[in-house]
Amino acid sequence: MPRAPMKRSPAREARMLEAAQALFLETGLRGATMEAIARRAGVAKPTLYAYFPDKEAMFLAVIAALVERMKTAVDAALARPGPPETRVAEALAAKYAVANAMLAGSPHAEALTSDRLVRSGESFRALEAWLIARIAETLRAAGRPEPEGRARLLIACCDGLMAAGDFASLGSRVAFVAERLLREPEGEED
């Protein structure tokens, strides 16, 4: 008699992703194995493979979950009251705080953030486009000139700060740049 297909469980999938994230942070992408992830998640290897075809797919799913947490943090900061420059600065600082909270203490943080899978994955490219649109929308609503151009410039500056390393202070450095870059010169505010 043929086996019925396994019913997917969101709780089981979340447990597998948590196990994968922990192992990636402890051992790096190269050091983690599907067997170790399955063991840590408390599932059989065939169950893990039913959800994720390989370790790279698991890594990209961990990144996608991180991106969703970043979007939630950004939206919360942008929804607060205050000048648009401050809200955007706080939103970007919150985005990097989410990443820093995940990467803190990992000896593989730099390698994981520069991995080719991160750079080639759709999650971060989509996040960047979404972030530019959200920042531009915030600036446009406040009547700021050139909102898309300013948003793109700001994101490019943030990418440069990230490339410089030092994840622990990245949020504060990003907030500083955002405040300065987006602030209207004296006498030009509406």
N, C-alpha and C. Protein backbone atom coordinates (compact mmCIF):
# COMPACT_ATOMS: atom_id res chain seq x y z
N MET A 1 0.85 -1.17 0.00
CA MET A 1 0.00 0.00 0.00
C MET A 1 0.90 1.24 0.00
N PRO A 2 0.65 2.21 -0.90
CA PRO A 2 1.49 3.42 -0.95
C PRO A 2 1.27 4.28 0.29
N ARG A 3 2.38 4.93 0.67
CA ARG A 3 2.33 5.83 1.83
C ARG A 3 1.63 7.12 1.48
N ALA A 4 0.83 7.60 2.41
CA ALA A 4 0.18 8.90 2.21
C ALA A 4 1.24 9.98 2.35
N PRO A 5 1.11 11.06 1.58
CA PRO A 5 2.09 12.15 1.71
C PRO A 5 2.03 12.75 3.12
N MET A 6 3.20 13.16 3.59
CA MET A 6 3.29 13.73 4.93
C MET A 6 2.57 15.07 4.96
N LYS A 7 1.77 15.27 6.01
CA LYS A 7 1.11 16.55 6.19
C LYS A 7 2.12 17.53 6.77
N ARG A 8 2.24 18.68 6.13
CA ARG A 8 3.20 19.70 6.57
C ARG A 8 2.68 20.38 7.83
N SER A 9 3.58 20.56 8.76
CA SER A 9 3.25 21.19 10.03
C SER A 9 4.04 22.48 10.16
N PRO A 10 3.36 23.64 10.29
CA PRO A 10 4.09 24.89 10.49
C PRO A 10 4.98 24.87 11.74
N ALA A 11 4.51 24.23 12.80
CA ALA A 11 5.31 24.15 14.03
C ALA A 11 6.57 23.32 13.80
N ARG A 12 6.45 22.22 13.08
CA ARG A 12 7.62 21.38 12.78
C ARG A 12 8.59 22.15 11.89
N GLU A 13 8.07 22.84 10.91
CA GLU A 13 8.93 23.62 10.01
C GLU A 13 9.67 24.71 10.80
N ALA A 14 8.97 25.39 11.70
CA ALA A 14 9.60 26.42 12.52
C ALA A 14 10.70 25.82 13.38
N ARG A 15 10.47 24.64 13.95
CA ARG A 15 11.47 23.97 14.77
C ARG A 15 12.70 23.61 13.94
N MET A 16 12.49 23.17 12.71
CA MET A 16 13.61 22.84 11.83
C MET A 16 14.40 24.09 11.46
N LEU A 17 13.70 25.19 11.20
CA LEU A 17 14.39 26.44 10.86
C LEU A 17 15.16 26.99 12.05
N GLU A 18 14.61 26.88 13.25
CA GLU A 18 15.33 27.31 14.45
C GLU A 18 16.60 26.49 14.64
N ALA A 19 16.49 25.18 14.43
CA ALA A 19 17.65 24.31 14.56
C ALA A 19 18.70 24.66 13.50
N ALA A 20 18.25 24.89 12.28
CA ALA A 20 19.18 25.25 11.20
C ALA A 20 19.87 26.57 11.51
N GLN A 21 19.11 27.56 11.94
CA GLN A 21 19.69 28.87 12.26
C GLN A 21 20.75 28.72 13.35
N ALA A 22 20.44 27.99 14.39
CA ALA A 22 21.40 27.81 15.49
C ALA A 22 22.68 27.13 14.99
N LEU A 23 22.54 26.12 14.16
CA LEU A 23 23.72 25.43 13.65
C LEU A 23 24.53 26.31 12.69
N PHE A 24 23.85 27.05 11.84
CA PHE A 24 24.57 27.95 10.94
C PHE A 24 25.39 28.96 11.73
N LEU A 25 24.81 29.47 12.81
CA LEU A 25 25.52 30.44 13.64
C LEU A 25 26.67 29.80 14.42
N GLU A 26 26.51 28.56 14.83
CA GLU A 26 27.55 27.87 15.60
C GLU A 26 28.68 27.35 14.72
N THR A 27 28.33 26.79 13.56
CA THR A 27 29.33 26.07 12.75
C THR A 27 29.59 26.70 11.39
N GLY A 28 28.80 27.72 11.02
CA GLY A 28 28.90 28.27 9.68
C GLY A 28 28.10 27.42 8.71
N LEU A 29 27.93 27.92 7.52
CA LEU A 29 27.16 27.19 6.52
C LEU A 29 27.85 25.88 6.15
N ARG A 30 29.15 25.94 5.99
CA ARG A 30 29.89 24.73 5.59
C ARG A 30 29.88 23.67 6.68
N GLY A 31 29.89 24.09 7.93
CA GLY A 31 29.96 23.13 9.02
C GLY A 31 28.64 22.45 9.35
N ALA A 32 27.54 23.06 8.98
CA ALA A 32 26.22 22.49 9.29
C ALA A 32 25.90 21.38 8.29
N THR A 33 25.27 20.34 8.77
CA THR A 33 24.83 19.26 7.89
C THR A 33 23.33 19.04 8.07
N MET A 34 22.72 18.45 7.08
CA MET A 34 21.29 18.13 7.19
C MET A 34 21.07 17.14 8.33
N GLU A 35 21.99 16.21 8.52
CA GLU A 35 21.86 15.24 9.60
C GLU A 35 21.89 15.94 10.96
N ALA A 36 22.81 16.88 11.14
CA ALA A 36 22.90 17.61 12.41
C ALA A 36 21.66 18.48 12.63
N ILE A 37 21.16 19.08 11.56
CA ILE A 37 19.94 19.91 11.68
C ILE A 37 18.77 19.04 12.09
N ALA A 38 18.60 17.89 11.44
CA ALA A 38 17.50 16.98 11.77
C ALA A 38 17.60 16.53 13.23
N ARG A 39 18.80 16.16 13.64
CA ARG A 39 19.00 15.70 15.02
C ARG A 39 18.62 16.81 16.01
N ARG A 40 19.10 18.04 15.75
CA ARG A 40 18.82 19.15 16.66
C ARG A 40 17.32 19.49 16.68
N ALA A 41 16.65 19.37 15.55
CA ALA A 41 15.22 19.68 15.46
C ALA A 41 14.35 18.54 15.99
N GLY A 42 14.96 17.38 16.21
CA GLY A 42 14.20 16.23 16.71
C GLY A 42 13.30 15.61 15.65
N VAL A 43 13.76 15.63 14.40
CA VAL A 43 13.01 15.02 13.31
C VAL A 43 13.92 14.05 12.56
N ALA A 44 13.31 13.14 11.84
CA ALA A 44 14.08 12.22 11.01
C ALA A 44 14.57 12.95 9.75
N LYS A 45 15.70 12.49 9.23
CA LYS A 45 16.24 13.13 8.02
C LYS A 45 15.24 13.13 6.86
N PRO A 46 14.48 12.05 6.64
CA PRO A 46 13.50 12.10 5.55
C PRO A 46 12.44 13.19 5.76
N THR A 47 12.09 13.44 7.02
CA THR A 47 11.14 14.51 7.31
C THR A 47 11.74 15.86 6.94
N LEU A 48 13.00 16.07 7.32
CA LEU A 48 13.68 17.32 6.98
C LEU A 48 13.74 17.51 5.47
N TYR A 49 14.08 16.45 4.75
CA TYR A 49 14.16 16.53 3.28
C TYR A 49 12.79 16.71 2.64
N ALA A 50 11.74 16.32 3.32
CA ALA A 50 10.39 16.55 2.78
C ALA A 50 10.04 18.03 2.77
N TYR A 51 10.67 18.78 3.67
CA TYR A 51 10.43 20.22 3.76
C TYR A 51 11.46 21.03 2.97
N PHE A 52 12.70 20.58 3.00
CA PHE A 52 13.81 21.33 2.38
C PHE A 52 14.67 20.37 1.58
N PRO A 53 14.86 20.65 0.30
CA PRO A 53 15.61 19.71 -0.55
C PRO A 53 17.10 19.62 -0.21
N ASP A 54 17.66 20.68 0.40
CA ASP A 54 19.08 20.66 0.73
C ASP A 54 19.40 21.77 1.74
N LYS A 55 20.65 21.78 2.17
CA LYS A 55 21.09 22.74 3.17
C LYS A 55 20.96 24.18 2.67
N GLU A 56 21.25 24.40 1.40
CA GLU A 56 21.14 25.75 0.84
C GLU A 56 19.70 26.26 0.90
N ALA A 57 18.75 25.39 0.62
CA ALA A 57 17.34 25.78 0.71
C ALA A 57 16.98 26.13 2.15
N MET A 58 17.54 25.39 3.10
CA MET A 58 17.28 25.70 4.51
C MET A 58 17.87 27.06 4.86
N PHE A 59 19.08 27.32 4.39
CA PHE A 59 19.73 28.60 4.67
C PHE A 59 18.90 29.74 4.10
N LEU A 60 18.42 29.59 2.88
CA LEU A 60 17.60 30.64 2.26
C LEU A 60 16.28 30.82 3.01
N ALA A 61 15.73 29.74 3.56
CA ALA A 61 14.50 29.85 4.35
C ALA A 61 14.77 30.59 5.67
N VAL A 62 15.94 30.35 6.27
CA VAL A 62 16.32 31.09 7.48
C VAL A 62 16.45 32.57 7.15
N ILE A 63 17.06 32.88 6.00
CA ILE A 63 17.21 34.27 5.57
C ILE A 63 15.83 34.89 5.33
N ALA A 64 14.93 34.17 4.68
CA ALA A 64 13.58 34.69 4.41
C ALA A 64 12.86 35.01 5.72
N ALA A 65 13.02 34.17 6.73
CA ALA A 65 12.39 34.43 8.03
C ALA A 65 13.00 35.67 8.68
N LEU A 66 14.31 35.83 8.55
CA LEU A 66 14.99 37.01 9.07
C LEU A 66 14.46 38.27 8.39
N VAL A 67 14.30 38.21 7.09
CA VAL A 67 13.79 39.36 6.33
C VAL A 67 12.40 39.74 6.81
N GLU A 68 11.55 38.78 7.08
CA GLU A 68 10.20 39.09 7.58
C GLU A 68 10.27 39.78 8.94
N ARG A 69 11.17 39.33 9.81
CA ARG A 69 11.33 40.00 11.11
C ARG A 69 11.84 41.42 10.93
N MET A 70 12.72 41.62 9.96
CA MET A 70 13.23 42.96 9.67
C MET A 70 12.11 43.87 9.18
N LYS A 71 11.26 43.37 8.29
CA LYS A 71 10.14 44.17 7.77
C LYS A 71 9.20 44.59 8.90
N THR A 72 8.94 43.68 9.81
CA THR A 72 8.07 44.00 10.94
C THR A 72 8.68 45.11 11.79
N ALA A 73 9.98 45.03 12.05
CA ALA A 73 10.66 46.06 12.85
C ALA A 73 10.66 47.41 12.13
N VAL A 74 10.90 47.39 10.83
CA VAL A 74 10.90 48.63 10.04
C VAL A 74 9.52 49.27 10.05
N ASP A 75 8.49 48.49 9.78
CA ASP A 75 7.13 49.03 9.77
C ASP A 75 6.74 49.64 11.11
N ALA A 76 7.12 48.97 12.20
CA ALA A 76 6.80 49.50 13.54
C ALA A 76 7.47 50.85 13.76
N ALA A 77 8.72 50.98 13.36
CA ALA A 77 9.44 52.25 13.56
C ALA A 77 8.87 53.35 12.66
N LEU A 78 8.53 53.02 11.44
CA LEU A 78 7.98 54.03 10.54
C LEU A 78 6.60 54.50 10.98
N ALA A 79 5.89 53.67 11.72
CA ALA A 79 4.54 54.02 12.16
C ALA A 79 4.53 54.94 13.39
N ARG A 80 5.67 55.09 14.03
CA ARG A 80 5.73 55.95 15.22
C ARG A 80 5.56 57.42 14.82
N PRO A 81 5.18 58.24 15.75
CA PRO A 81 5.11 59.68 15.47
C PRO A 81 6.52 60.28 15.43
N GLY A 82 6.61 61.41 14.77
CA GLY A 82 7.89 62.12 14.75
C GLY A 82 8.28 62.53 13.35
N PRO A 83 9.37 63.28 13.24
CA PRO A 83 9.83 63.73 11.93
C PRO A 83 10.23 62.53 11.07
N PRO A 84 10.04 62.64 9.77
CA PRO A 84 10.34 61.50 8.89
C PRO A 84 11.80 61.05 8.97
N GLU A 85 12.71 62.00 9.13
CA GLU A 85 14.13 61.64 9.21
C GLU A 85 14.39 60.74 10.42
N THR A 86 13.77 61.08 11.53
CA THR A 86 13.93 60.29 12.75
C THR A 86 13.30 58.92 12.60
N ARG A 87 12.11 58.87 12.04
CA ARG A 87 11.43 57.58 11.86
C ARG A 87 12.20 56.67 10.92
N VAL A 88 12.72 57.24 9.82
CA VAL A 88 13.51 56.43 8.88
C VAL A 88 14.79 55.96 9.55
N ALA A 89 15.46 56.83 10.28
CA ALA A 89 16.68 56.46 10.99
C ALA A 89 16.40 55.33 11.98
N GLU A 90 15.31 55.46 12.73
CA GLU A 90 14.95 54.42 13.69
C GLU A 90 14.56 53.12 13.00
N ALA A 91 13.90 53.22 11.85
CA ALA A 91 13.51 52.03 11.09
C ALA A 91 14.74 51.27 10.60
N LEU A 92 15.71 52.00 10.07
CA LEU A 92 16.92 51.35 9.59
C LEU A 92 17.73 50.77 10.76
N ALA A 93 17.80 51.50 11.85
CA ALA A 93 18.49 50.98 13.04
C ALA A 93 17.80 49.71 13.53
N ALA A 94 16.47 49.68 13.49
CA ALA A 94 15.71 48.50 13.92
C ALA A 94 15.99 47.31 13.00
N LYS A 95 16.07 47.58 11.72
CA LYS A 95 16.38 46.51 10.75
C LYS A 95 17.71 45.85 11.10
N TYR A 96 18.72 46.67 11.32
CA TYR A 96 20.04 46.11 11.64
C TYR A 96 20.08 45.52 13.04
N ALA A 97 19.26 46.02 13.95
CA ALA A 97 19.21 45.44 15.29
C ALA A 97 18.68 44.01 15.24
N VAL A 98 17.73 43.75 14.36
CA VAL A 98 17.21 42.39 14.19
C VAL A 98 18.33 41.47 13.73
N ALA A 99 19.08 41.91 12.73
CA ALA A 99 20.19 41.09 12.22
C ALA A 99 21.26 40.92 13.29
N ASN A 100 21.57 42.00 14.00
CA ASN A 100 22.61 41.93 15.03
C ASN A 100 22.19 40.99 16.15
N ALA A 101 20.93 41.02 16.53
CA ALA A 101 20.45 40.13 17.58
C ALA A 101 20.63 38.67 17.18
N MET A 102 20.41 38.37 15.91
CA MET A 102 20.58 37.00 15.44
C MET A 102 22.06 36.63 15.38
N LEU A 103 22.89 37.55 14.88
CA LEU A 103 24.30 37.23 14.63
C LEU A 103 25.20 37.38 15.85
N ALA A 104 24.73 38.06 16.88
CA ALA A 104 25.55 38.35 18.05
C ALA A 104 26.18 37.08 18.62
N GLY A 105 27.48 37.13 18.80
CA GLY A 105 28.18 36.00 19.40
C GLY A 105 28.58 34.90 18.43
N SER A 106 28.15 34.97 17.19
CA SER A 106 28.51 33.93 16.24
C SER A 106 29.90 34.19 15.67
N PRO A 107 30.77 33.20 15.75
CA PRO A 107 32.09 33.38 15.14
C PRO A 107 32.02 33.38 13.61
N HIS A 108 30.85 33.07 13.08
CA HIS A 108 30.68 32.97 11.63
C HIS A 108 29.83 34.11 11.05
N ALA A 109 29.58 35.15 11.85
CA ALA A 109 28.69 36.24 11.43
C ALA A 109 29.14 36.85 10.11
N GLU A 110 30.40 37.21 10.02
CA GLU A 110 30.88 37.88 8.80
C GLU A 110 30.79 36.96 7.60
N ALA A 111 31.17 35.70 7.76
CA ALA A 111 31.11 34.76 6.65
C ALA A 111 29.66 34.52 6.22
N LEU A 112 28.75 34.41 7.19
CA LEU A 112 27.35 34.16 6.85
C LEU A 112 26.73 35.34 6.11
N THR A 113 27.07 36.57 6.51
CA THR A 113 26.48 37.74 5.85
C THR A 113 27.08 38.01 4.49
N SER A 114 28.27 37.50 4.25
CA SER A 114 28.88 37.73 2.94
C SER A 114 28.77 36.51 2.03
N ASP A 115 28.14 35.46 2.50
CA ASP A 115 28.03 34.24 1.72
C ASP A 115 27.34 34.50 0.39
N ARG A 116 27.77 33.80 -0.63
CA ARG A 116 27.20 33.96 -1.97
C ARG A 116 25.70 33.68 -1.99
N LEU A 117 25.23 32.79 -1.14
CA LEU A 117 23.79 32.51 -1.11
C LEU A 117 23.00 33.72 -0.64
N VAL A 118 23.55 34.45 0.33
CA VAL A 118 22.87 35.67 0.81
C VAL A 118 22.82 36.68 -0.32
N ARG A 119 23.95 36.87 -0.96
CA ARG A 119 24.06 37.88 -2.02
C ARG A 119 23.26 37.51 -3.26
N SER A 120 23.12 36.21 -3.55
CA SER A 120 22.40 35.81 -4.75
C SER A 120 20.92 35.55 -4.49
N GLY A 121 20.53 35.48 -3.24
CA GLY A 121 19.15 35.17 -2.90
C GLY A 121 18.20 36.32 -3.18
N GLU A 122 16.99 35.98 -3.43
CA GLU A 122 15.95 36.97 -3.72
C GLU A 122 15.50 37.73 -2.48
N SER A 123 15.62 37.13 -1.32
CA SER A 123 15.09 37.74 -0.11
C SER A 123 15.67 39.12 0.16
N PHE A 124 16.98 39.25 0.09
CA PHE A 124 17.58 40.55 0.40
C PHE A 124 17.38 41.56 -0.74
N ARG A 125 17.36 41.09 -1.99
CA ARG A 125 17.07 42.02 -3.08
C ARG A 125 15.64 42.54 -2.96
N ALA A 126 14.73 41.66 -2.63
CA ALA A 126 13.33 42.08 -2.45
C ALA A 126 13.21 43.00 -1.23
N LEU A 127 13.95 42.70 -0.16
CA LEU A 127 13.93 43.57 1.02
C LEU A 127 14.43 44.96 0.66
N GLU A 128 15.49 45.04 -0.10
CA GLU A 128 16.04 46.35 -0.47
C GLU A 128 15.02 47.15 -1.28
N ALA A 129 14.38 46.52 -2.25
CA ALA A 129 13.37 47.23 -3.05
C ALA A 129 12.20 47.66 -2.17
N TRP A 130 11.76 46.80 -1.29
CA TRP A 130 10.66 47.13 -0.37
C TRP A 130 11.05 48.28 0.53
N LEU A 131 12.27 48.24 1.05
CA LEU A 131 12.76 49.26 1.96
C LEU A 131 12.86 50.62 1.26
N ILE A 132 13.37 50.64 0.06
CA ILE A 132 13.44 51.88 -0.71
C ILE A 132 12.04 52.45 -0.91
N ALA A 133 11.10 51.59 -1.26
CA ALA A 133 9.72 52.05 -1.47
C ALA A 133 9.11 52.59 -0.18
N ARG A 134 9.34 51.91 0.96
CA ARG A 134 8.77 52.37 2.24
C ARG A 134 9.39 53.69 2.68
N ILE A 135 10.72 53.83 2.50
CA ILE A 135 11.38 55.08 2.87
C ILE A 135 10.90 56.21 1.97
N ALA A 136 10.82 55.95 0.68
CA ALA A 136 10.35 56.97 -0.27
C ALA A 136 8.92 57.38 0.06
N GLU A 137 8.08 56.42 0.39
CA GLU A 137 6.69 56.72 0.77
C GLU A 137 6.64 57.62 2.00
N THR A 138 7.47 57.35 2.98
CA THR A 138 7.53 58.16 4.20
C THR A 138 8.00 59.58 3.89
N LEU A 139 9.02 59.70 3.06
CA LEU A 139 9.54 61.02 2.69
C LEU A 139 8.55 61.78 1.82
N ARG A 140 7.90 61.09 0.90
CA ARG A 140 6.91 61.72 0.03
C ARG A 140 5.74 62.26 0.85
N ALA A 141 5.27 61.48 1.81
CA ALA A 141 4.16 61.90 2.66
C ALA A 141 4.51 63.14 3.47
N ALA A 142 5.80 63.33 3.75
CA ALA A 142 6.24 64.50 4.50
C ALA A 142 6.60 65.66 3.58
N GLY A 143 6.40 65.47 2.26
CA GLY A 143 6.67 66.53 1.30
C GLY A 143 8.15 66.76 1.01
N ARG A 144 8.97 65.74 1.30
CA ARG A 144 10.40 65.89 1.04
C ARG A 144 10.68 65.73 -0.46
N PRO A 145 11.62 66.52 -0.98
CA PRO A 145 11.94 66.43 -2.41
C PRO A 145 12.72 65.14 -2.72
N GLU A 146 12.57 64.67 -3.94
CA GLU A 146 13.31 63.51 -4.46
C GLU A 146 13.27 62.30 -3.52
N PRO A 147 12.11 61.84 -3.12
CA PRO A 147 12.07 60.76 -2.12
C PRO A 147 12.72 59.45 -2.59
N GLU A 148 12.50 59.06 -3.85
CA GLU A 148 13.09 57.81 -4.32
C GLU A 148 14.61 57.92 -4.39
N GLY A 149 15.10 59.03 -4.92
CA GLY A 149 16.55 59.22 -5.01
C GLY A 149 17.22 59.23 -3.65
N ARG A 150 16.59 59.91 -2.71
CA ARG A 150 17.15 59.96 -1.35
C ARG A 150 17.12 58.58 -0.70
N ALA A 151 16.02 57.86 -0.93
CA ALA A 151 15.92 56.51 -0.36
C ALA A 151 17.00 55.60 -0.94
N ARG A 152 17.21 55.66 -2.24
CA ARG A 152 18.26 54.83 -2.87
C ARG A 152 19.65 55.21 -2.34
N LEU A 153 19.92 56.50 -2.23
CA LEU A 153 21.20 56.96 -1.72
C LEU A 153 21.41 56.48 -0.28
N LEU A 154 20.38 56.56 0.52
CA LEU A 154 20.47 56.13 1.90
C LEU A 154 20.78 54.63 1.99
N ILE A 155 20.09 53.83 1.19
CA ILE A 155 20.33 52.39 1.22
C ILE A 155 21.74 52.07 0.74
N ALA A 156 22.22 52.79 -0.27
CA ALA A 156 23.61 52.58 -0.73
C ALA A 156 24.60 52.90 0.38
N CYS A 157 24.35 53.97 1.12
CA CYS A 157 25.21 54.33 2.25
C CYS A 157 25.17 53.23 3.33
N CYS A 158 23.99 52.71 3.59
CA CYS A 158 23.85 51.65 4.59
C CYS A 158 24.60 50.39 4.15
N ASP A 159 24.52 50.07 2.87
CA ASP A 159 25.26 48.91 2.37
C ASP A 159 26.76 49.10 2.57
N GLY A 160 27.24 50.33 2.36
CA GLY A 160 28.65 50.61 2.58
C GLY A 160 29.04 50.47 4.03
N LEU A 161 28.19 50.93 4.93
CA LEU A 161 28.46 50.79 6.36
C LEU A 161 28.49 49.31 6.76
N MET A 162 27.59 48.53 6.18
CA MET A 162 27.54 47.11 6.49
C MET A 162 28.81 46.41 5.99
N ALA A 163 29.27 46.80 4.82
CA ALA A 163 30.47 46.18 4.27
C ALA A 163 31.70 46.48 5.13
N ALA A 164 31.65 47.57 5.90
CA ALA A 164 32.77 47.93 6.76
C ALA A 164 32.85 47.05 8.00
N GLY A 165 31.82 46.21 8.24
CA GLY A 165 31.84 45.31 9.39
C GLY A 165 31.34 45.99 10.65
N ASP A 166 31.76 45.50 11.80
CA ASP A 166 31.36 46.00 13.11
C ASP A 166 29.85 46.00 13.27
N PHE A 167 29.29 44.81 13.29
CA PHE A 167 27.84 44.66 13.35
C PHE A 167 27.24 45.25 14.62
N ALA A 168 27.97 45.22 15.70
CA ALA A 168 27.42 45.70 16.97
C ALA A 168 27.03 47.17 16.93
N SER A 169 27.79 48.00 16.22
CA SER A 169 27.47 49.44 16.18
C SER A 169 26.81 49.86 14.87
N LEU A 170 26.48 48.90 14.04
CA LEU A 170 25.91 49.22 12.72
C LEU A 170 24.62 50.02 12.83
N GLY A 171 23.73 49.63 13.72
CA GLY A 171 22.45 50.33 13.86
C GLY A 171 22.62 51.79 14.19
N SER A 172 23.52 52.10 15.13
CA SER A 172 23.71 53.50 15.50
C SER A 172 24.40 54.28 14.38
N ARG A 173 25.31 53.66 13.66
CA ARG A 173 25.97 54.36 12.55
C ARG A 173 24.99 54.61 11.41
N VAL A 174 24.12 53.65 11.15
CA VAL A 174 23.10 53.80 10.11
C VAL A 174 22.13 54.92 10.49
N ALA A 175 21.71 54.94 11.74
CA ALA A 175 20.79 55.99 12.21
C ALA A 175 21.44 57.37 12.07
N PHE A 176 22.71 57.48 12.41
CA PHE A 176 23.43 58.74 12.29
C PHE A 176 23.44 59.22 10.83
N VAL A 177 23.81 58.33 9.91
CA VAL A 177 23.86 58.69 8.48
C VAL A 177 22.47 59.06 7.98
N ALA A 178 21.45 58.30 8.36
CA ALA A 178 20.09 58.59 7.90
C ALA A 178 19.63 59.95 8.36
N GLU A 179 19.85 60.26 9.63
CA GLU A 179 19.44 61.57 10.16
C GLU A 179 20.12 62.70 9.38
N ARG A 180 21.41 62.56 9.14
CA ARG A 180 22.16 63.63 8.45
C ARG A 180 21.79 63.73 6.98
N LEU A 181 21.65 62.61 6.33
CA LEU A 181 21.38 62.60 4.89
C LEU A 181 19.97 63.10 4.57
N LEU A 182 19.02 62.79 5.43
CA LEU A 182 17.62 63.14 5.14
C LEU A 182 17.18 64.47 5.72
N ARG A 183 17.95 65.01 6.64
CA ARG A 183 17.57 66.27 7.27
C ARG A 183 17.52 67.38 6.21
N GLU A 184 16.48 68.19 6.30
CA GLU A 184 16.35 69.35 5.40
C GLU A 184 17.26 70.45 5.90
N PRO A 185 17.98 71.09 5.00
CA PRO A 185 18.82 72.23 5.43
C PRO A 185 17.94 73.32 6.05
N GLU A 186 18.52 74.06 6.98
CA GLU A 186 17.79 75.15 7.64
C GLU A 186 17.16 76.09 6.60
N GLY A 187 15.93 76.47 6.84
CA GLY A 187 15.25 77.41 5.97
C GLY A 187 14.58 76.78 4.76
N GLU A 188 14.74 75.43 4.56
CA GLU A 188 14.13 74.79 3.40
C GLU A 188 12.98 73.88 3.77
N GLU A 189 12.66 73.75 5.06
CA GLU A 189 11.55 72.90 5.44
C GLU A 189 10.24 73.56 5.07
N ASP A 190 9.23 72.72 4.85
CA ASP A 190 7.90 73.23 4.48
C ASP A 190 7.23 73.91 5.64
